Amino acid sequence: MAAMLNVLVTMRFDQAQLDRLRAVSPEISVSQADPDTADYAKTHVLYAGTPPRDLARAPALRWVQLHMAGVNALADHPLYTETALPLTTTSGVHAATIAEYAVTMLLALAHRVPRMVEWQGRGGWPPDEQRWPLFVPSEVRGATLGIIGYGSIGRELARIASCPTSGWAWPRSTRCWRARTWSCCARR
């Protein structure tokens, strides 16, 4: 019989999420703990937002699954600089949600929602002659959308916003500033 693989989750997963992990295999033991007070001593696999910097706390660690899309925040972390442990990310998992959020914010700003909320919080509205210039929305249809970073989120945003618009997207890396164009209508 294979040895039990100890998985520690230091994210706020609910019981249903933890149970889904446990159902993957009878050979894994899944536990959850606060990252600051967790006992990492017997942890083989860590699912974390912020892994411990003191690697002596996790001598059995074999793999770290990060709850983030990239590892930029870990550039100076000992896991990244001092070990060869596999680090995996959730890159692409949240692309649709984040792209939809970006569209939501774009529309909210174009339609002056923050300004309306501000006036609502004041408990009154401006005089009639001031309302039009304060609250008239900007039309988004037909506008050009610029996307900085054309990874999974940028590509999803382009898909959501593409037809009948067109636009430009640049990679975040300054090493390569080649713009990519897209047009939903051209692919159909």
N, C-alpha and C. Protein backbone atom coordinates (compact mmCIF):
# COMPACT_ATOMS: atom_id res chain seq x y z
N MET A 1 0.85 -1.18 0.00
CA MET A 1 0.00 0.00 0.00
C MET A 1 0.89 1.24 0.00
N ALA A 2 0.54 2.22 -0.83
CA ALA A 2 1.32 3.45 -0.95
C ALA A 2 1.17 4.29 0.32
N ALA A 3 2.21 5.06 0.60
CA ALA A 3 2.17 5.95 1.76
C ALA A 3 1.16 7.06 1.50
N MET A 4 0.54 7.53 2.57
CA MET A 4 -0.44 8.61 2.50
C MET A 4 0.25 9.90 2.11
N LEU A 5 -0.33 10.64 1.19
CA LEU A 5 0.18 11.94 0.76
C LEU A 5 -0.57 13.01 1.54
N ASN A 6 0.15 13.81 2.30
CA ASN A 6 -0.47 14.84 3.13
C ASN A 6 -0.57 16.15 2.38
N VAL A 7 -1.80 16.61 2.18
CA VAL A 7 -2.08 17.86 1.48
C VAL A 7 -2.58 18.87 2.51
N LEU A 8 -1.96 20.02 2.55
CA LEU A 8 -2.38 21.08 3.44
C LEU A 8 -2.88 22.26 2.62
N VAL A 9 -4.07 22.72 2.93
CA VAL A 9 -4.68 23.88 2.27
C VAL A 9 -4.67 25.02 3.27
N THR A 10 -4.05 26.14 2.89
CA THR A 10 -4.04 27.30 3.78
C THR A 10 -4.89 28.44 3.22
N MET A 11 -5.80 28.09 2.35
CA MET A 11 -6.76 29.05 1.80
C MET A 11 -8.10 28.82 2.49
N ARG A 12 -9.01 29.78 2.35
CA ARG A 12 -10.34 29.66 2.95
C ARG A 12 -11.25 28.83 2.05
N PHE A 13 -11.03 27.56 2.03
CA PHE A 13 -11.89 26.66 1.28
C PHE A 13 -13.03 26.23 2.19
N ASP A 14 -14.23 26.09 1.62
CA ASP A 14 -15.33 25.58 2.43
C ASP A 14 -15.26 24.05 2.46
N GLN A 15 -16.11 23.45 3.25
CA GLN A 15 -16.07 22.00 3.44
C GLN A 15 -16.30 21.26 2.13
N ALA A 16 -17.18 21.75 1.28
CA ALA A 16 -17.45 21.09 0.00
C ALA A 16 -16.20 21.07 -0.88
N GLN A 17 -15.45 22.16 -0.89
CA GLN A 17 -14.21 22.20 -1.69
C GLN A 17 -13.18 21.22 -1.14
N LEU A 18 -13.05 21.17 0.16
CA LEU A 18 -12.11 20.23 0.78
C LEU A 18 -12.53 18.79 0.49
N ASP A 19 -13.83 18.52 0.56
CA ASP A 19 -14.33 17.17 0.28
C ASP A 19 -14.06 16.77 -1.17
N ARG A 20 -14.14 17.71 -2.10
CA ARG A 20 -13.82 17.40 -3.51
C ARG A 20 -12.36 16.98 -3.65
N LEU A 21 -11.47 17.66 -2.92
CA LEU A 21 -10.05 17.28 -2.93
C LEU A 21 -9.87 15.88 -2.34
N ARG A 22 -10.54 15.62 -1.23
CA ARG A 22 -10.41 14.31 -0.58
C ARG A 22 -10.91 13.18 -1.48
N ALA A 23 -11.88 13.47 -2.31
CA ALA A 23 -12.47 12.46 -3.19
C ALA A 23 -11.55 12.08 -4.35
N VAL A 24 -10.49 12.83 -4.56
CA VAL A 24 -9.56 12.55 -5.65
C VAL A 24 -8.92 11.17 -5.49
N SER A 25 -8.56 10.83 -4.26
CA SER A 25 -7.88 9.55 -4.04
C SER A 25 -7.95 9.17 -2.57
N PRO A 26 -8.07 7.88 -2.29
CA PRO A 26 -8.03 7.45 -0.89
C PRO A 26 -6.62 7.53 -0.31
N GLU A 27 -5.66 7.82 -1.15
CA GLU A 27 -4.26 7.88 -0.71
C GLU A 27 -3.79 9.30 -0.37
N ILE A 28 -4.74 10.23 -0.27
CA ILE A 28 -4.36 11.57 0.17
C ILE A 28 -5.15 11.95 1.42
N SER A 29 -4.48 12.67 2.27
CA SER A 29 -5.09 13.21 3.48
C SER A 29 -5.09 14.73 3.33
N VAL A 30 -6.26 15.33 3.34
CA VAL A 30 -6.39 16.77 3.13
C VAL A 30 -6.76 17.43 4.44
N SER A 31 -5.97 18.44 4.82
CA SER A 31 -6.28 19.22 6.01
C SER A 31 -6.23 20.70 5.66
N GLN A 32 -6.78 21.50 6.54
CA GLN A 32 -6.82 22.94 6.31
C GLN A 32 -6.36 23.64 7.58
N ALA A 33 -5.59 24.72 7.40
CA ALA A 33 -5.11 25.48 8.55
C ALA A 33 -4.82 26.92 8.15
N ASP A 34 -4.78 27.78 9.13
CA ASP A 34 -4.39 29.17 8.91
C ASP A 34 -2.90 29.19 8.57
N PRO A 35 -2.48 29.95 7.56
CA PRO A 35 -1.07 29.91 7.13
C PRO A 35 -0.08 30.34 8.22
N ASP A 36 -0.50 31.22 9.13
CA ASP A 36 0.41 31.71 10.17
C ASP A 36 0.63 30.70 11.29
N THR A 37 -0.37 29.86 11.54
CA THR A 37 -0.26 28.92 12.66
C THR A 37 -0.20 27.47 12.21
N ALA A 38 -0.18 27.21 10.92
CA ALA A 38 -0.18 25.84 10.39
C ALA A 38 1.08 25.08 10.79
N ASP A 39 0.90 23.78 10.96
CA ASP A 39 2.03 22.88 11.19
C ASP A 39 2.36 22.25 9.83
N TYR A 40 3.44 22.69 9.23
CA TYR A 40 3.84 22.23 7.89
C TYR A 40 4.75 21.00 7.94
N ALA A 41 5.07 20.51 9.13
CA ALA A 41 6.10 19.47 9.29
C ALA A 41 5.87 18.23 8.44
N LYS A 42 4.63 17.76 8.31
CA LYS A 42 4.36 16.53 7.55
C LYS A 42 3.69 16.80 6.22
N THR A 43 3.70 18.05 5.78
CA THR A 43 3.02 18.43 4.54
C THR A 43 3.87 18.04 3.33
N HIS A 44 3.25 17.30 2.41
CA HIS A 44 3.90 16.94 1.15
C HIS A 44 3.49 17.91 0.04
N VAL A 45 2.20 18.25 0.03
CA VAL A 45 1.66 19.15 -0.99
C VAL A 45 0.98 20.31 -0.26
N LEU A 46 1.34 21.52 -0.67
CA LEU A 46 0.78 22.71 -0.05
C LEU A 46 0.00 23.49 -1.08
N TYR A 47 -1.25 23.80 -0.75
CA TYR A 47 -2.07 24.69 -1.58
C TYR A 47 -2.19 25.98 -0.79
N ALA A 48 -1.55 27.05 -1.30
CA ALA A 48 -1.45 28.27 -0.50
C ALA A 48 -1.50 29.53 -1.35
N GLY A 49 -1.87 30.60 -0.69
CA GLY A 49 -1.76 31.92 -1.29
C GLY A 49 -0.39 32.49 -0.97
N THR A 50 0.04 32.28 0.25
CA THR A 50 1.35 32.75 0.70
C THR A 50 2.05 31.60 1.41
N PRO A 51 3.00 30.96 0.76
CA PRO A 51 3.72 29.86 1.41
C PRO A 51 4.65 30.39 2.50
N PRO A 52 5.01 29.55 3.47
CA PRO A 52 5.90 30.01 4.53
C PRO A 52 7.29 30.33 3.98
N ARG A 53 7.90 31.39 4.49
CA ARG A 53 9.24 31.75 4.06
C ARG A 53 10.29 30.86 4.73
N ASP A 54 10.00 30.39 5.93
CA ASP A 54 10.92 29.52 6.67
C ASP A 54 10.69 28.08 6.21
N LEU A 55 11.50 27.62 5.29
CA LEU A 55 11.31 26.29 4.71
C LEU A 55 11.64 25.17 5.70
N ALA A 56 12.33 25.49 6.77
CA ALA A 56 12.59 24.49 7.81
C ALA A 56 11.28 24.03 8.45
N ARG A 57 10.23 24.84 8.34
CA ARG A 57 8.91 24.48 8.86
C ARG A 57 8.24 23.40 8.01
N ALA A 58 8.75 23.17 6.79
CA ALA A 58 8.12 22.21 5.86
C ALA A 58 9.16 21.26 5.27
N PRO A 59 9.78 20.43 6.10
CA PRO A 59 10.87 19.58 5.60
C PRO A 59 10.43 18.50 4.62
N ALA A 60 9.16 18.09 4.64
CA ALA A 60 8.68 17.02 3.76
C ALA A 60 8.05 17.55 2.48
N LEU A 61 8.04 18.86 2.30
CA LEU A 61 7.36 19.48 1.17
C LEU A 61 7.92 19.01 -0.16
N ARG A 62 7.01 18.61 -1.08
CA ARG A 62 7.39 18.13 -2.41
C ARG A 62 6.83 18.98 -3.54
N TRP A 63 5.77 19.74 -3.24
CA TRP A 63 5.08 20.48 -4.31
C TRP A 63 4.26 21.59 -3.68
N VAL A 64 4.25 22.75 -4.33
CA VAL A 64 3.44 23.88 -3.86
C VAL A 64 2.53 24.32 -5.00
N GLN A 65 1.24 24.30 -4.72
CA GLN A 65 0.22 24.81 -5.64
C GLN A 65 -0.18 26.18 -5.13
N LEU A 66 0.07 27.19 -5.93
CA LEU A 66 -0.23 28.56 -5.53
C LEU A 66 -1.62 28.97 -6.00
N HIS A 67 -2.29 29.72 -5.16
CA HIS A 67 -3.63 30.21 -5.49
C HIS A 67 -3.50 31.59 -6.14
N MET A 68 -2.70 31.67 -7.17
CA MET A 68 -2.50 32.90 -7.92
C MET A 68 -2.10 32.52 -9.33
N ALA A 69 -2.24 33.47 -10.23
CA ALA A 69 -1.98 33.20 -11.65
C ALA A 69 -0.49 33.17 -11.98
N GLY A 70 0.31 33.91 -11.27
CA GLY A 70 1.74 33.98 -11.58
C GLY A 70 2.58 33.86 -10.32
N VAL A 71 3.88 33.91 -10.51
CA VAL A 71 4.80 33.79 -9.37
C VAL A 71 5.57 35.08 -9.12
N ASN A 72 5.13 36.17 -9.72
CA ASN A 72 5.84 37.45 -9.55
C ASN A 72 6.03 37.81 -8.09
N ALA A 73 5.02 37.56 -7.27
CA ALA A 73 5.08 37.91 -5.85
C ALA A 73 6.11 37.08 -5.10
N LEU A 74 6.57 35.98 -5.70
CA LEU A 74 7.52 35.10 -5.04
C LEU A 74 8.94 35.24 -5.58
N ALA A 75 9.21 36.29 -6.32
CA ALA A 75 10.53 36.45 -6.95
C ALA A 75 11.67 36.36 -5.96
N ASP A 76 11.46 36.81 -4.73
CA ASP A 76 12.52 36.75 -3.72
C ASP A 76 12.22 35.74 -2.62
N HIS A 77 11.23 34.89 -2.82
CA HIS A 77 10.83 33.89 -1.83
C HIS A 77 11.82 32.72 -1.87
N PRO A 78 12.18 32.17 -0.71
CA PRO A 78 13.10 31.02 -0.69
C PRO A 78 12.61 29.83 -1.50
N LEU A 79 11.30 29.61 -1.60
CA LEU A 79 10.79 28.52 -2.44
C LEU A 79 11.22 28.69 -3.88
N TYR A 80 11.29 29.92 -4.32
CA TYR A 80 11.64 30.23 -5.71
C TYR A 80 13.15 30.34 -5.90
N THR A 81 13.83 30.89 -4.92
CA THR A 81 15.26 31.17 -5.09
C THR A 81 16.18 30.08 -4.55
N GLU A 82 15.70 29.25 -3.62
CA GLU A 82 16.59 28.30 -2.96
C GLU A 82 16.23 26.83 -3.13
N THR A 83 15.12 26.54 -3.83
CA THR A 83 14.74 25.14 -3.99
C THR A 83 14.41 24.86 -5.46
N ALA A 84 14.29 23.58 -5.74
CA ALA A 84 13.84 23.15 -7.07
C ALA A 84 12.45 22.53 -6.96
N LEU A 85 11.74 22.84 -5.86
CA LEU A 85 10.39 22.31 -5.68
C LEU A 85 9.47 22.79 -6.80
N PRO A 86 8.63 21.92 -7.30
CA PRO A 86 7.66 22.36 -8.31
C PRO A 86 6.69 23.38 -7.71
N LEU A 87 6.54 24.48 -8.41
CA LEU A 87 5.56 25.51 -8.06
C LEU A 87 4.57 25.58 -9.21
N THR A 88 3.31 25.35 -8.93
CA THR A 88 2.29 25.45 -9.97
C THR A 88 1.32 26.55 -9.58
N THR A 89 0.65 27.10 -10.57
CA THR A 89 -0.25 28.23 -10.34
C THR A 89 -1.65 27.92 -10.85
N THR A 90 -2.55 28.81 -10.60
CA THR A 90 -3.91 28.68 -11.11
C THR A 90 -4.09 29.52 -12.37
N SER A 91 -3.02 29.72 -13.10
CA SER A 91 -3.07 30.52 -14.31
C SER A 91 -4.16 30.02 -15.24
N GLY A 92 -5.01 30.91 -15.65
CA GLY A 92 -6.08 30.58 -16.57
C GLY A 92 -7.39 30.18 -15.91
N VAL A 93 -7.33 29.75 -14.65
CA VAL A 93 -8.53 29.28 -13.97
C VAL A 93 -9.55 30.41 -13.79
N HIS A 94 -9.07 31.60 -13.49
CA HIS A 94 -9.96 32.71 -13.21
C HIS A 94 -10.10 33.68 -14.38
N ALA A 95 -9.63 33.30 -15.54
CA ALA A 95 -9.61 34.22 -16.68
C ALA A 95 -10.99 34.78 -17.01
N ALA A 96 -12.00 33.93 -17.11
CA ALA A 96 -13.33 34.41 -17.48
C ALA A 96 -13.89 35.34 -16.41
N THR A 97 -13.73 34.98 -15.15
CA THR A 97 -14.26 35.81 -14.06
C THR A 97 -13.59 37.17 -14.02
N ILE A 98 -12.27 37.20 -14.15
CA ILE A 98 -11.54 38.47 -14.09
C ILE A 98 -11.85 39.31 -15.33
N ALA A 99 -11.94 38.68 -16.49
CA ALA A 99 -12.27 39.43 -17.71
C ALA A 99 -13.68 40.02 -17.61
N GLU A 100 -14.62 39.26 -17.08
CA GLU A 100 -15.97 39.78 -16.89
C GLU A 100 -15.97 40.93 -15.88
N TYR A 101 -15.15 40.82 -14.86
CA TYR A 101 -15.04 41.92 -13.88
C TYR A 101 -14.49 43.17 -14.57
N ALA A 102 -13.50 42.99 -15.45
CA ALA A 102 -12.94 44.14 -16.17
C ALA A 102 -14.01 44.81 -17.03
N VAL A 103 -14.84 44.02 -17.70
CA VAL A 103 -15.92 44.58 -18.50
C VAL A 103 -16.94 45.29 -17.60
N THR A 104 -17.24 44.69 -16.46
CA THR A 104 -18.16 45.32 -15.50
C THR A 104 -17.64 46.68 -15.08
N MET A 105 -16.36 46.75 -14.74
CA MET A 105 -15.77 48.02 -14.31
C MET A 105 -15.74 49.04 -15.46
N LEU A 106 -15.43 48.56 -16.66
CA LEU A 106 -15.43 49.44 -17.83
C LEU A 106 -16.81 50.08 -18.01
N LEU A 107 -17.85 49.26 -17.96
CA LEU A 107 -19.21 49.78 -18.13
C LEU A 107 -19.61 50.68 -16.96
N ALA A 108 -19.25 50.31 -15.74
CA ALA A 108 -19.58 51.13 -14.57
C ALA A 108 -18.94 52.51 -14.68
N LEU A 109 -17.68 52.55 -15.11
CA LEU A 109 -17.00 53.84 -15.25
C LEU A 109 -17.57 54.64 -16.42
N ALA A 110 -17.83 53.96 -17.52
CA ALA A 110 -18.39 54.66 -18.69
C ALA A 110 -19.78 55.23 -18.39
N HIS A 111 -20.50 54.58 -17.51
CA HIS A 111 -21.85 55.02 -17.17
C HIS A 111 -21.90 55.81 -15.86
N ARG A 112 -20.75 56.22 -15.39
CA ARG A 112 -20.63 57.13 -14.24
C ARG A 112 -21.21 56.57 -12.94
N VAL A 113 -21.20 55.25 -12.79
CA VAL A 113 -21.76 54.64 -11.59
C VAL A 113 -21.05 55.11 -10.32
N PRO A 114 -19.71 55.17 -10.26
CA PRO A 114 -19.09 55.66 -9.03
C PRO A 114 -19.56 57.08 -8.65
N ARG A 115 -19.71 57.94 -9.63
CA ARG A 115 -20.18 59.30 -9.36
C ARG A 115 -21.62 59.28 -8.83
N MET A 116 -22.45 58.42 -9.41
CA MET A 116 -23.84 58.31 -8.93
C MET A 116 -23.88 57.80 -7.50
N VAL A 117 -23.06 56.81 -7.19
CA VAL A 117 -23.01 56.26 -5.83
C VAL A 117 -22.54 57.34 -4.85
N GLU A 118 -21.56 58.14 -5.28
CA GLU A 118 -21.08 59.24 -4.45
C GLU A 118 -22.22 60.23 -4.13
N TRP A 119 -22.96 60.62 -5.14
CA TRP A 119 -24.07 61.55 -4.93
C TRP A 119 -25.18 60.91 -4.09
N GLN A 120 -25.42 59.65 -4.31
CA GLN A 120 -26.44 58.95 -3.51
C GLN A 120 -26.02 58.94 -2.04
N GLY A 121 -24.73 58.72 -1.79
CA GLY A 121 -24.21 58.73 -0.42
C GLY A 121 -24.35 60.07 0.25
N ARG A 122 -24.33 61.12 -0.52
CA ARG A 122 -24.52 62.47 0.03
C ARG A 122 -25.97 62.71 0.45
N GLY A 123 -26.86 61.85 -0.02
CA GLY A 123 -28.27 61.99 0.33
C GLY A 123 -29.02 62.97 -0.55
N GLY A 124 -28.47 63.31 -1.69
CA GLY A 124 -29.15 64.23 -2.59
C GLY A 124 -28.52 64.19 -3.97
N TRP A 125 -29.12 64.90 -4.89
CA TRP A 125 -28.65 64.93 -6.26
C TRP A 125 -28.33 66.38 -6.64
N PRO A 126 -27.48 66.56 -7.61
CA PRO A 126 -27.16 67.93 -8.02
C PRO A 126 -28.36 68.60 -8.68
N PRO A 127 -28.33 69.90 -8.78
CA PRO A 127 -29.42 70.60 -9.48
C PRO A 127 -29.53 70.08 -10.92
N ASP A 128 -30.73 70.20 -11.47
CA ASP A 128 -31.01 69.67 -12.81
C ASP A 128 -29.99 70.10 -13.86
N GLU A 129 -29.58 71.36 -13.85
CA GLU A 129 -28.66 71.85 -14.88
C GLU A 129 -27.26 71.22 -14.77
N GLN A 130 -26.93 70.59 -13.64
CA GLN A 130 -25.62 69.95 -13.47
C GLN A 130 -25.66 68.44 -13.73
N ARG A 131 -26.84 67.88 -13.75
CA ARG A 131 -26.95 66.42 -13.88
C ARG A 131 -26.43 65.89 -15.21
N TRP A 132 -26.78 66.51 -16.30
CA TRP A 132 -26.37 66.01 -17.61
C TRP A 132 -24.85 65.92 -17.73
N PRO A 133 -24.10 67.00 -17.47
CA PRO A 133 -22.65 66.88 -17.61
C PRO A 133 -22.02 65.93 -16.58
N LEU A 134 -22.66 65.74 -15.44
CA LEU A 134 -22.10 64.84 -14.42
C LEU A 134 -22.39 63.38 -14.69
N PHE A 135 -23.56 63.09 -15.25
CA PHE A 135 -24.00 61.70 -15.33
C PHE A 135 -24.18 61.14 -16.73
N VAL A 136 -23.96 61.92 -17.77
CA VAL A 136 -24.14 61.38 -19.12
C VAL A 136 -23.10 60.27 -19.35
N PRO A 137 -23.55 59.11 -19.80
CA PRO A 137 -22.60 58.01 -20.02
C PRO A 137 -21.79 58.20 -21.31
N SER A 138 -20.63 57.56 -21.32
CA SER A 138 -19.81 57.49 -22.54
C SER A 138 -20.17 56.20 -23.25
N GLU A 139 -20.37 56.28 -24.54
CA GLU A 139 -20.71 55.08 -25.30
C GLU A 139 -19.47 54.22 -25.47
N VAL A 140 -19.61 52.94 -25.22
CA VAL A 140 -18.51 51.99 -25.34
C VAL A 140 -18.54 51.30 -26.69
N ARG A 141 -19.72 51.14 -27.27
CA ARG A 141 -19.85 50.45 -28.56
C ARG A 141 -18.99 51.13 -29.60
N GLY A 142 -18.22 50.32 -30.31
CA GLY A 142 -17.38 50.83 -31.38
C GLY A 142 -16.05 51.40 -30.91
N ALA A 143 -15.83 51.44 -29.60
CA ALA A 143 -14.57 51.97 -29.07
C ALA A 143 -13.45 50.95 -29.26
N THR A 144 -12.24 51.43 -29.23
CA THR A 144 -11.07 50.56 -29.29
C THR A 144 -10.63 50.25 -27.86
N LEU A 145 -10.42 49.00 -27.57
CA LEU A 145 -10.02 48.55 -26.25
C LEU A 145 -8.54 48.19 -26.28
N GLY A 146 -7.76 48.78 -25.39
CA GLY A 146 -6.35 48.42 -25.26
C GLY A 146 -6.18 47.46 -24.10
N ILE A 147 -5.46 46.38 -24.32
CA ILE A 147 -5.25 45.38 -23.29
C ILE A 147 -3.75 45.25 -23.07
N ILE A 148 -3.31 45.51 -21.85
CA ILE A 148 -1.90 45.34 -21.51
C ILE A 148 -1.78 43.98 -20.84
N GLY A 149 -1.08 43.07 -21.45
CA GLY A 149 -0.97 41.70 -20.97
C GLY A 149 -1.94 40.83 -21.75
N TYR A 150 -1.43 40.00 -22.63
CA TYR A 150 -2.29 39.19 -23.47
C TYR A 150 -2.15 37.71 -23.10
N GLY A 151 -2.20 37.46 -21.78
CA GLY A 151 -2.23 36.09 -21.28
C GLY A 151 -3.66 35.58 -21.31
N SER A 152 -3.97 34.64 -20.45
CA SER A 152 -5.31 34.04 -20.48
C SER A 152 -6.40 35.06 -20.16
N ILE A 153 -6.14 35.99 -19.24
CA ILE A 153 -7.14 37.00 -18.92
C ILE A 153 -7.30 37.98 -20.07
N GLY A 154 -6.20 38.45 -20.64
CA GLY A 154 -6.27 39.38 -21.76
C GLY A 154 -6.97 38.77 -22.96
N ARG A 155 -6.67 37.49 -23.25
CA ARG A 155 -7.33 36.83 -24.38
C ARG A 155 -8.83 36.67 -24.13
N GLU A 156 -9.21 36.33 -22.90
CA GLU A 156 -10.63 36.20 -22.57
C GLU A 156 -11.33 37.54 -22.67
N LEU A 157 -10.68 38.58 -22.21
CA LEU A 157 -11.25 39.93 -22.32
C LEU A 157 -11.44 40.29 -23.80
N ALA A 158 -10.47 39.96 -24.63
CA ALA A 158 -10.60 40.22 -26.07
C ALA A 158 -11.78 39.44 -26.66
N ARG A 159 -11.96 38.19 -26.23
CA ARG A 159 -13.09 37.39 -26.73
C ARG A 159 -14.42 38.02 -26.31
N ILE A 160 -14.51 38.44 -25.06
CA ILE A 160 -15.76 39.02 -24.57
C ILE A 160 -16.07 40.32 -25.30
N ALA A 161 -15.06 41.14 -25.49
CA ALA A 161 -15.28 42.49 -26.03
C ALA A 161 -15.09 42.59 -27.54
N SER A 162 -14.77 41.51 -28.21
CA SER A 162 -14.27 41.62 -29.57
C SER A 162 -15.28 41.99 -30.64
N CYS A 163 -16.42 41.44 -30.68
CA CYS A 163 -17.29 41.68 -31.82
C CYS A 163 -18.39 42.66 -31.45
N PRO A 164 -18.59 43.72 -32.17
CA PRO A 164 -17.99 44.05 -33.46
C PRO A 164 -16.82 45.03 -33.34
N THR A 165 -16.10 44.96 -32.26
CA THR A 165 -14.98 45.89 -32.08
C THR A 165 -13.69 45.25 -32.56
N SER A 166 -12.65 46.04 -32.60
CA SER A 166 -11.31 45.52 -32.83
C SER A 166 -10.42 46.21 -31.82
N GLY A 167 -9.20 45.76 -31.69
CA GLY A 167 -8.35 46.40 -30.69
C GLY A 167 -6.91 45.96 -30.80
N TRP A 168 -6.14 46.44 -29.87
CA TRP A 168 -4.72 46.14 -29.78
C TRP A 168 -4.43 45.59 -28.40
N ALA A 169 -3.52 44.64 -28.32
CA ALA A 169 -3.08 44.10 -27.03
C ALA A 169 -1.57 44.00 -27.05
N TRP A 170 -0.96 44.39 -25.96
CA TRP A 170 0.49 44.32 -25.83
C TRP A 170 0.84 43.39 -24.70
N PRO A 171 1.89 42.58 -24.86
CA PRO A 171 2.35 41.75 -23.75
C PRO A 171 2.85 42.64 -22.62
N ARG A 172 2.70 42.20 -21.38
CA ARG A 172 3.17 42.98 -20.24
C ARG A 172 4.68 43.12 -20.24
N SER A 173 5.37 42.11 -20.71
CA SER A 173 6.83 42.13 -20.69
C SER A 173 7.36 43.24 -21.58
N THR A 174 8.27 44.02 -21.05
CA THR A 174 8.86 45.10 -21.84
C THR A 174 9.91 44.59 -22.81
N ARG A 175 10.23 43.30 -22.71
CA ARG A 175 11.21 42.73 -23.63
C ARG A 175 10.65 42.61 -25.04
N CYS A 176 9.36 42.50 -25.14
CA CYS A 176 8.75 42.27 -26.45
C CYS A 176 7.49 43.12 -26.55
N TRP A 177 7.55 44.20 -27.28
CA TRP A 177 6.41 45.10 -27.39
C TRP A 177 5.70 44.97 -28.72
N ARG A 178 5.59 43.75 -29.23
CA ARG A 178 4.83 43.54 -30.45
C ARG A 178 3.35 43.53 -30.12
N ALA A 179 2.60 44.35 -30.77
CA ALA A 179 1.16 44.39 -30.53
C ALA A 179 0.48 43.28 -31.32
N ARG A 180 -0.57 42.74 -30.77
CA ARG A 180 -1.38 41.76 -31.46
C ARG A 180 -2.74 42.39 -31.70
N THR A 181 -3.30 42.16 -32.87
CA THR A 181 -4.64 42.68 -33.13
C THR A 181 -5.62 41.53 -33.10
N TRP A 182 -6.87 41.85 -32.87
CA TRP A 182 -7.90 40.84 -32.93
C TRP A 182 -9.15 41.44 -33.53
N SER A 183 -9.95 40.58 -34.09
CA SER A 183 -11.25 40.99 -34.57
C SER A 183 -12.11 39.75 -34.59
N CYS A 184 -13.12 39.73 -33.79
CA CYS A 184 -14.02 38.58 -33.70
C CYS A 184 -14.67 38.32 -35.05
N CYS A 185 -15.07 39.38 -35.70
CA CYS A 185 -15.79 39.20 -36.97
C CYS A 185 -14.92 38.52 -38.03
N ALA A 186 -13.62 38.74 -38.00
CA ALA A 186 -12.73 38.15 -38.98
C ALA A 186 -12.61 36.65 -38.80
N ARG A 187 -12.84 36.15 -37.58
CA ARG A 187 -12.71 34.71 -37.30
C ARG A 187 -13.95 33.94 -37.64
N ARG A 188 -15.05 34.63 -37.83
CA ARG A 188 -16.31 33.91 -38.06
C ARG A 188 -16.45 33.47 -39.47
